[in-house]
Structures are given as C-alpha cells and as structure tokens.
C-alpha cells in the first residue's frame, strides 16, 4: 500500500513538472501569436528569413561564428 502511495506522489511530481513545461510553452506560443499580429514584425521576420530587402536596402550575409575550442 505504501509503495502505491509513493508511486502516486512520484507520478504527481512528474505530471506537475509536465504541466509547468506546458504552461511555459503556452506562454511562448501566446507571445508568438501577438507578434504575428504585428505587420512590422512579420515584414522584418520575412526579410531576415528569406533575405528580402526594402528599396535601397542591401543584405549582407556574414558567415556563422565558429566556436573555438
């Protein structure tokens, strides 16, 4: 009987941790939804991701920084 109780407490702890992670993910997704409702954010995101530019704007891609050991 006591082993069952201990197992249930462990399961409860695991589920609470999972719930906390899901709440954090929900918060991040809510933030993303708000950002995606902003036309300026969308325009900047698309320019960065797909290398689009405004008139008289140049895109210069720099090499990724390599981590030195």
PDB file of N, CA and C in Angstrom:
ATOM      1  N   UNK A   1       0.824  -1.199   0.000  1.00  0.00           N
ATOM      2  CA  UNK A   1       0.000   0.000   0.000  1.00  0.00           C
ATOM      3  C   UNK A   1       0.870   1.265   0.000  1.00  0.00           C
ATOM      4  N   UNK A   2       1.887   1.290   0.835  1.00  0.00           N
ATOM      5  CA  UNK A   2       2.738   2.484   0.910  1.00  0.00           C
ATOM      6  C   UNK A   2       3.540   2.685  -0.377  1.00  0.00           C
ATOM      7  N   UNK A   3       3.894   1.591  -1.059  1.00  0.00           N
ATOM      8  CA  UNK A   3       4.600   1.710  -2.328  1.00  0.00           C
ATOM      9  C   UNK A   3       3.709   2.368  -3.376  1.00  0.00           C
ATOM     10  N   UNK A   4       2.438   2.050  -3.328  1.00  0.00           N
ATOM     11  CA  UNK A   4       1.491   2.669  -4.259  1.00  0.00           C
ATOM     12  C   UNK A   4       1.397   4.174  -4.007  1.00  0.00           C
ATOM     13  N   UNK A   5       1.391   4.543  -2.779  1.00  0.00           N
ATOM     14  CA  UNK A   5       1.319   5.968  -2.420  1.00  0.00           C
ATOM     15  C   UNK A   5       2.570   6.690  -2.902  1.00  0.00           C
ATOM     16  N   UNK A   6       3.721   6.082  -2.674  1.00  0.00           N
ATOM     17  CA  UNK A   6       4.985   6.682  -3.118  1.00  0.00           C
ATOM     18  C   UNK A   6       4.984   6.825  -4.635  1.00  0.00           C
ATOM     19  N   UNK A   7       4.523   5.791  -5.334  1.00  0.00           N
ATOM     20  CA  UNK A   7       4.447   5.852  -6.796  1.00  0.00           C
ATOM     21  C   UNK A   7       3.507   6.962  -7.257  1.00  0.00           C
ATOM     22  N   UNK A   8       2.408   7.111  -6.567  1.00  0.00           N
ATOM     23  CA  UNK A   8       1.446   8.164  -6.934  1.00  0.00           C
ATOM     24  C   UNK A   8       2.047   9.553  -6.708  1.00  0.00           C
ATOM     25  N   UNK A   9       2.808   9.726  -5.642  1.00  0.00           N
ATOM     26  CA  UNK A   9       3.470  11.007  -5.405  1.00  0.00           C
ATOM     27  C   UNK A   9       4.508  11.299  -6.488  1.00  0.00           C
ATOM     28  N   UNK A  10       5.239  10.262  -6.886  1.00  0.00           N
ATOM     29  CA  UNK A  10       6.217  10.438  -7.962  1.00  0.00           C
ATOM     30  C   UNK A  10       5.514  10.811  -9.260  1.00  0.00           C
ATOM     31  N   UNK A  11       4.418  10.109  -9.528  1.00  0.00           N
ATOM     32  CA  UNK A  11       3.649  10.410 -10.737  1.00  0.00           C
ATOM     33  C   UNK A  11       3.097  11.827 -10.686  1.00  0.00           C
ATOM     34  N   UNK A  12       2.626  12.230  -9.522  1.00  0.00           N
ATOM     35  CA  UNK A  12       2.103  13.592  -9.349  1.00  0.00           C
ATOM     36  C   UNK A  12       3.196  14.620  -9.621  1.00  0.00           C
ATOM     37  N   UNK A  13       4.394  14.386  -9.089  1.00  0.00           N
ATOM     38  CA  UNK A  13       5.513  15.303  -9.305  1.00  0.00           C
ATOM     39  C   UNK A  13       5.858  15.400 -10.790  1.00  0.00           C
ATOM     40  N   UNK A  14       5.877  14.244 -11.470  1.00  0.00           N
ATOM     41  CA  UNK A  14       6.178  14.237 -12.893  1.00  0.00           C
ATOM     42  C   UNK A  14       5.113  14.996 -13.686  1.00  0.00           C
ATOM     43  N   UNK A  15       3.857  14.787 -13.328  1.00  0.00           N
ATOM     44  CA  UNK A  15       2.773  15.466 -14.023  1.00  0.00           C
ATOM     45  C   UNK A  15       2.787  16.975 -13.751  1.00  0.00           C
ATOM     46  N   UNK A  16       3.137  17.356 -12.526  1.00  0.00           N
ATOM     47  CA  UNK A  16       3.246  18.784 -12.216  1.00  0.00           C
ATOM     48  C   UNK A  16       4.371  19.435 -13.017  1.00  0.00           C
ATOM     49  N   UNK A  17       5.483  18.714 -13.161  1.00  0.00           N
ATOM     50  CA  UNK A  17       6.591  19.233 -13.954  1.00  0.00           C
ATOM     51  C   UNK A  17       6.174  19.368 -15.426  1.00  0.00           C
ATOM     52  N   UNK A  18       5.470  18.376 -15.911  1.00  0.00           N
ATOM     53  CA  UNK A  18       4.986  18.427 -17.297  1.00  0.00           C
ATOM     54  C   UNK A  18       4.012  19.590 -17.478  1.00  0.00           C
ATOM     55  N   UNK A  19       3.150  19.798 -16.493  1.00  0.00           N
ATOM     56  CA  UNK A  19       2.203  20.913 -16.546  1.00  0.00           C
ATOM     57  C   UNK A  19       2.934  22.249 -16.580  1.00  0.00           C
ATOM     58  N   UNK A  20       3.975  22.393 -15.760  1.00  0.00           N
ATOM     59  CA  UNK A  20       4.764  23.623 -15.752  1.00  0.00           C
ATOM     60  C   UNK A  20       5.402  23.871 -17.116  1.00  0.00           C
ATOM     61  N   UNK A  21       5.939  22.802 -17.711  1.00  0.00           N
ATOM     62  CA  UNK A  21       6.554  22.932 -19.039  1.00  0.00           C
ATOM     63  C   UNK A  21       5.519  23.340 -20.087  1.00  0.00           C
ATOM     64  N   UNK A  22       4.342  22.750 -20.004  1.00  0.00           N
ATOM     65  CA  UNK A  22       3.286  23.088 -20.956  1.00  0.00           C
ATOM     66  C   UNK A  22       2.806  24.529 -20.771  1.00  0.00           C
ATOM     67  N   UNK A  23       2.768  24.992 -19.534  1.00  0.00           N
ATOM     68  CA  UNK A  23       2.376  26.386 -19.280  1.00  0.00           C
ATOM     69  C   UNK A  23       3.411  27.349 -19.868  1.00  0.00           C
ATOM     70  N   UNK A  24       4.692  27.011 -19.731  1.00  0.00           N
ATOM     71  CA  UNK A  24       5.741  27.838 -20.324  1.00  0.00           C
ATOM     72  C   UNK A  24       5.621  27.859 -21.845  1.00  0.00           C
ATOM     73  N   UNK A  25       5.370  26.698 -22.418  1.00  0.00           N
ATOM     74  CA  UNK A  25       5.214  26.610 -23.870  1.00  0.00           C
ATOM     75  C   UNK A  25       3.993  27.412 -24.332  1.00  0.00           C
ATOM     76  N   UNK A  26       2.915  27.333 -23.568  1.00  0.00           N
ATOM     77  CA  UNK A  26       1.714  28.104 -23.895  1.00  0.00           C
ATOM     78  C   UNK A  26       2.009  29.600 -23.877  1.00  0.00           C
ATOM     79  N   UNK A  27       2.782  30.045 -22.883  1.00  0.00           N
ATOM     80  CA  UNK A  27       3.140  31.459 -22.781  1.00  0.00           C
ATOM     81  C   UNK A  27       3.960  31.885 -23.991  1.00  0.00           C
ATOM     82  N   UNK A  28       4.929  31.050 -24.390  1.00  0.00           N
ATOM     83  CA  UNK A  28       5.753  31.367 -25.558  1.00  0.00           C
ATOM     84  C   UNK A  28       4.900  31.439 -26.821  1.00  0.00           C
ATOM     85  N   UNK A  29       3.976  30.496 -26.961  1.00  0.00           N
ATOM     86  CA  UNK A  29       3.117  30.494 -28.142  1.00  0.00           C
ATOM     87  C   UNK A  29       2.181  31.695 -28.151  1.00  0.00           C
ATOM     88  N   UNK A  30       1.689  32.079 -26.989  1.00  0.00           N
ATOM     89  CA  UNK A  30       0.835  33.273 -26.912  1.00  0.00           C
ATOM     90  C   UNK A  30       1.610  34.517 -27.320  1.00  0.00           C
ATOM     91  N   UNK A  31       2.857  34.590 -26.900  1.00  0.00           N
ATOM     92  CA  UNK A  31       3.713  35.711 -27.287  1.00  0.00           C
ATOM     93  C   UNK A  31       3.925  35.715 -28.795  1.00  0.00           C
ATOM     94  N   UNK A  32       4.160  34.526 -29.365  1.00  0.00           N
ATOM     95  CA  UNK A  32       4.342  34.430 -30.813  1.00  0.00           C
ATOM     96  C   UNK A  32       3.093  34.864 -31.561  1.00  0.00           C
ATOM     97  N   UNK A  33       1.931  34.496 -31.053  1.00  0.00           N
ATOM     98  CA  UNK A  33       0.674  34.894 -31.691  1.00  0.00           C
ATOM     99  C   UNK A  33       0.550  36.407 -31.705  1.00  0.00           C
ATOM    100  N   UNK A  34       0.869  37.039 -30.592  1.00  0.00           N
ATOM    101  CA  UNK A  34       0.801  38.503 -30.532  1.00  0.00           C
ATOM    102  C   UNK A  34       1.777  39.145 -31.511  1.00  0.00           C
ATOM    103  N   UNK A  35       2.985  38.583 -31.593  1.00  0.00           N
ATOM    104  CA  UNK A  35       3.979  39.129 -32.515  1.00  0.00           C
ATOM    105  C   UNK A  35       3.503  39.006 -33.958  1.00  0.00           C
ATOM    106  N   UNK A  36       2.896  37.865 -34.283  1.00  0.00           N
ATOM    107  CA  UNK A  36       2.474  37.619 -35.658  1.00  0.00           C
ATOM    108  C   UNK A  36       1.268  38.462 -36.067  1.00  0.00           C
ATOM    109  N   UNK A  37       0.672  39.152 -35.135  1.00  0.00           N
ATOM    110  CA  UNK A  37      -0.419  40.073 -35.461  1.00  0.00           C
ATOM    111  C   UNK A  37       0.116  41.457 -35.814  1.00  0.00           C
ATOM    112  N   UNK A  38       1.409  41.657 -35.639  1.00  0.00           N
ATOM    113  CA  UNK A  38       2.041  42.939 -35.938  1.00  0.00           C
ATOM    114  C   UNK A  38       2.650  42.894 -37.340  1.00  0.00           C
ATOM    115  N   UNK A  39       2.119  43.675 -38.279  1.00  0.00           N
ATOM    116  CA  UNK A  39       2.632  43.646 -39.657  1.00  0.00           C
ATOM    117  C   UNK A  39       4.117  44.007 -39.754  1.00  0.00           C
ATOM    118  N   UNK A  40       4.587  44.901 -38.910  1.00  0.00           N
ATOM    119  CA  UNK A  40       6.004  45.276 -38.941  1.00  0.00           C
ATOM    120  C   UNK A  40       6.891  44.099 -38.527  1.00  0.00           C
ATOM    121  N   UNK A  41       6.447  43.355 -37.537  1.00  0.00           N
ATOM    122  CA  UNK A  41       7.203  42.179 -37.096  1.00  0.00           C
ATOM    123  C   UNK A  41       7.264  41.139 -38.220  1.00  0.00           C
ATOM    124  N   UNK A  42       6.132  40.896 -38.853  1.00  0.00           N
ATOM    125  CA  UNK A  42       6.077  39.916 -39.947  1.00  0.00           C
ATOM    126  C   UNK A  42       7.006  40.337 -41.076  1.00  0.00           C
ATOM    127  N   UNK A  43       6.976  41.608 -41.427  1.00  0.00           N
ATOM    128  CA  UNK A  43       7.839  42.097 -42.505  1.00  0.00           C
ATOM    129  C   UNK A  43       9.313  41.910 -42.150  1.00  0.00           C
ATOM    130  N   UNK A  44       9.692  42.260 -40.930  1.00  0.00           N
ATOM    131  CA  UNK A  44      11.082  42.108 -40.503  1.00  0.00           C
ATOM    132  C   UNK A  44      11.479  40.629 -40.479  1.00  0.00           C
ATOM    133  N   UNK A  45      10.593  39.788 -39.989  1.00  0.00           N
ATOM    134  CA  UNK A  45      10.867  38.353 -39.930  1.00  0.00           C
ATOM    135  C   UNK A  45      11.093  37.776 -41.331  1.00  0.00           C
ATOM    136  N   UNK A  46      10.218  38.138 -42.255  1.00  0.00           N
ATOM    137  CA  UNK A  46      10.358  37.630 -43.621  1.00  0.00           C
ATOM    138  C   UNK A  46      11.626  38.144 -44.292  1.00  0.00           C
ATOM    139  N   UNK A  47      11.956  39.402 -44.036  1.00  0.00           N
ATOM    140  CA  UNK A  47      13.192  39.941 -44.613  1.00  0.00           C
ATOM    141  C   UNK A  47      14.401  39.180 -44.088  1.00  0.00           C
ATOM    142  N   UNK A  48      14.411  38.892 -42.803  1.00  0.00           N
ATOM    143  CA  UNK A  48      15.547  38.183 -42.215  1.00  0.00           C
ATOM    144  C   UNK A  48      15.607  36.725 -42.679  1.00  0.00           C
ATOM    145  N   UNK A  49      14.478  36.072 -42.706  1.00  0.00           N
ATOM    146  CA  UNK A  49      14.458  34.651 -43.018  1.00  0.00           C
ATOM    147  C   UNK A  49      14.682  34.383 -44.503  1.00  0.00           C
ATOM    148  N   UNK A  50      14.075  35.194 -45.363  1.00  0.00           N
ATOM    149  CA  UNK A  50      14.131  34.933 -46.797  1.00  0.00           C
ATOM    150  C   UNK A  50      14.978  35.941 -47.560  1.00  0.00           C
ATOM    151  N   UNK A  51      15.702  36.774 -46.823  1.00  0.00           N
ATOM    152  CA  UNK A  51      16.627  37.744 -47.400  1.00  0.00           C
ATOM    153  C   UNK A  51      15.934  38.713 -48.361  1.00  0.00           C
ATOM    154  N   UNK A  52      14.736  39.134 -47.999  1.00  0.00           N
ATOM    155  CA  UNK A  52      14.074  40.183 -48.772  1.00  0.00           C
ATOM    156  C   UNK A  52      14.608  41.523 -48.290  1.00  0.00           C
ATOM    157  N   UNK A  53      14.550  42.514 -49.154  1.00  0.00           N
ATOM    158  CA  UNK A  53      15.040  43.827 -48.745  1.00  0.00           C
ATOM    159  C   UNK A  53      14.048  44.903 -49.155  1.00  0.00           C
ATOM    160  N   UNK A  54      14.137  46.006 -48.458  1.00  0.00           N
ATOM    161  CA  UNK A  54      13.354  47.187 -48.823  1.00  0.00           C
ATOM    162  C   UNK A  54      14.092  47.896 -49.952  1.00  0.00           C
ATOM    163  N   UNK A  55      13.446  48.887 -50.539  1.00  0.00           N
ATOM    164  CA  UNK A  55      14.125  49.694 -51.549  1.00  0.00           C
ATOM    165  C   UNK A  55      15.350  50.351 -50.921  1.00  0.00           C
ATOM    166  N   UNK A  56      16.445  50.381 -51.680  1.00  0.00           N
ATOM    167  CA  UNK A  56      17.705  50.985 -51.236  1.00  0.00           C
ATOM    168  C   UNK A  56      18.269  50.322 -49.980  1.00  0.00           C
ATOM    169  N   UNK A  57      17.955  49.067 -49.784  1.00  0.00           N
ATOM    170  CA  UNK A  57      18.464  48.319 -48.633  1.00  0.00           C
ATOM    171  C   UNK A  57      19.282  47.145 -49.166  1.00  0.00           C
ATOM    172  N   UNK A  58      20.441  46.904 -48.588  1.00  0.00           N
ATOM    173  CA  UNK A  58      21.313  45.824 -49.020  1.00  0.00           C
ATOM    174  C   UNK A  58      21.361  44.749 -47.948  1.00  0.00           C
ATOM    175  N   UNK A  59      21.494  43.528 -48.405  1.00  0.00           N
ATOM    176  CA  UNK A  59      21.592  42.401 -47.483  1.00  0.00           C
ATOM    177  C   UNK A  59      22.996  41.833 -47.598  1.00  0.00           C
ATOM    178  N   UNK A  60      23.646  41.757 -46.456  1.00  0.00           N
ATOM    179  CA  UNK A  60      24.987  41.187 -46.408  1.00  0.00           C
ATOM    180  C   UNK A  60      24.939  40.038 -45.415  1.00  0.00           C
ATOM    181  N   UNK A  61      25.190  38.847 -45.916  1.00  0.00           N
ATOM    182  CA  UNK A  61      25.177  37.677 -45.043  1.00  0.00           C
ATOM    183  C   UNK A  61      26.594  37.410 -44.570  1.00  0.00           C
ATOM    184  N   UNK A  62      26.760  37.404 -43.269  1.00  0.00           N
ATOM    185  CA  UNK A  62      28.058  37.124 -42.664  1.00  0.00           C
ATOM    186  C   UNK A  62      28.133  35.650 -42.312  1.00  0.00           C
ATOM    187  N   UNK A  63      29.302  35.070 -42.396  1.00  0.00           N
ATOM    188  CA  UNK A  63      29.425  33.654 -42.031  1.00  0.00           C
ATOM    189  C   UNK A  63      29.111  33.460 -40.547  1.00  0.00           C
ATOM    190  N   UNK A  64      28.585  32.295 -40.248  1.00  0.00           N
ATOM    191  CA  UNK A  64      28.294  31.970 -38.845  1.00  0.00           C
ATOM    192  C   UNK A  64      29.587  31.938 -38.067  1.00  0.00           C
ATOM    193  N   UNK A  65      29.496  32.404 -36.835  1.00  0.00           N
ATOM    194  CA  UNK A  65      30.679  32.367 -35.969  1.00  0.00           C
ATOM    195  C   UNK A  65      30.935  30.936 -35.564  1.00  0.00           C
ATOM    196  N   UNK A  66      32.158  30.486 -35.725  1.00  0.00           N
ATOM    197  CA  UNK A  66      32.523  29.153 -35.293  1.00  0.00           C
ATOM    198  C   UNK A  66      33.042  29.232 -33.870  1.00  0.00           C
ATOM    199  N   UNK A  67      32.602  28.292 -33.070  1.00  0.00           N
ATOM    200  CA  UNK A  67      33.066  28.283 -31.699  1.00  0.00           C
ATOM    201  C   UNK A  67      34.465  27.691 -31.649  1.00  0.00           C
ATOM    202  N   UNK A  68      35.347  28.402 -30.983  1.00  0.00           N
ATOM    203  CA  UNK A  68      36.709  27.928 -30.852  1.00  0.00           C
ATOM    204  C   UNK A  68      36.838  27.108 -29.592  1.00  0.00           C
ATOM    205  N   UNK A  69      37.510  25.980 -29.711  1.00  0.00           N
ATOM    206  CA  UNK A  69      37.691  25.101 -28.544  1.00  0.00           C
ATOM    207  C   UNK A  69      38.788  25.597 -27.648  1.00  0.00           C
TER     208      UNK A  69
END
